[in-house]
Protein backbone atom coordinates (compact mmCIF):
# COMPACT_ATOMS: atom_id res chain seq x y z
CA UNK A 1 84.31 22.86 18.73
CA UNK A 2 81.23 21.51 16.98
CA UNK A 3 81.25 17.71 16.75
CA UNK A 4 80.12 17.86 13.12
CA UNK A 5 83.03 20.15 12.29
CA UNK A 6 85.48 17.87 14.07
CA UNK A 7 84.13 14.85 12.20
CA UNK A 8 84.37 16.63 8.87
CA UNK A 9 87.88 17.84 9.68
CA UNK A 10 89.01 14.31 10.52
CA UNK A 11 87.54 12.98 7.27
CA UNK A 12 89.19 15.69 5.19
CA UNK A 13 92.58 15.09 6.79
CA UNK A 14 92.36 11.43 5.79
CA UNK A 15 92.15 12.37 2.10
CA UNK A 16 95.27 12.09 -0.07
CA UNK A 17 97.16 15.40 -0.43
CA UNK A 18 95.98 15.99 -4.01
CA UNK A 19 92.33 15.66 -3.02
CA UNK A 20 92.83 17.92 0.02
CA UNK A 21 94.42 20.54 -2.23
CA UNK A 22 91.53 20.35 -4.69
CA UNK A 23 89.03 20.68 -1.86
CA UNK A 24 90.95 23.61 -0.41
CA UNK A 25 90.89 25.38 -3.79
CA UNK A 26 87.13 24.95 -3.96
CA UNK A 27 86.58 26.18 -0.41
CA UNK A 28 88.77 29.24 -0.94
CA UNK A 29 87.03 30.00 -4.25
CA UNK A 30 83.67 29.86 -2.48
CA UNK A 31 84.87 32.53 -0.05
CA UNK A 32 86.28 34.79 -2.73
CA UNK A 33 83.23 36.05 -4.60
CA UNK A 34 84.45 39.50 -5.69
CA UNK A 35 84.30 38.97 -9.45
CA UNK A 36 84.99 42.61 -10.32
CA UNK A 37 88.21 42.60 -8.31
CA UNK A 38 89.24 39.23 -9.74
CA UNK A 39 88.66 40.48 -13.29
CA UNK A 40 90.76 43.58 -12.58
CA UNK A 41 93.65 41.49 -11.24
CA UNK A 42 93.37 39.12 -14.20
CA UNK A 43 93.67 42.12 -16.54
CA UNK A 44 96.78 43.33 -14.71
CA UNK A 45 98.32 39.86 -14.94
CA UNK A 46 97.51 39.62 -18.65
CA UNK A 47 99.17 43.00 -19.33
CA UNK A 48 102.27 41.94 -17.41
CA UNK A 49 102.41 38.60 -19.24
CA UNK A 50 102.11 40.37 -22.60
CA UNK A 51 105.08 42.65 -21.92
CA UNK A 52 107.22 41.48 -19.00
CA UNK A 53 109.81 44.25 -19.53
CA UNK A 54 107.34 47.07 -18.96
CA UNK A 55 107.62 48.97 -15.70
CA UNK A 56 104.34 49.15 -13.84
CA UNK A 57 102.88 51.53 -11.31
CA UNK A 58 103.43 50.96 -7.63
CA UNK A 59 101.11 48.68 -5.69
CA UNK A 60 99.64 51.67 -3.85
CA UNK A 61 98.88 53.44 -7.14
CA UNK A 62 97.41 50.28 -8.67
CA UNK A 63 95.14 49.72 -5.67
CA UNK A 64 94.05 53.36 -5.69
CA UNK A 65 93.18 53.05 -9.38
CA UNK A 66 91.12 49.94 -8.75
CA UNK A 67 89.28 51.67 -5.90
CA UNK A 68 88.52 54.65 -8.15
CA UNK A 69 87.16 52.37 -10.90
CA UNK A 70 84.77 50.75 -8.43
CA UNK A 71 83.39 54.08 -7.29
């Protein structure tokens, strides 16, 4: 393993849990740059929050719909 990586890892693991969690959130967000997909999932979540008793399409159908929207 790269010495720089090992040094950074050791420093991060010394942080308090709350700071490690915040750092983890930022790192994961930096890897997840598909804004179109994120917006689509946010819209699904908003619809479900607005009417929690509504039955929704299956996961397979929802994913197929999202793929079709993206072309």
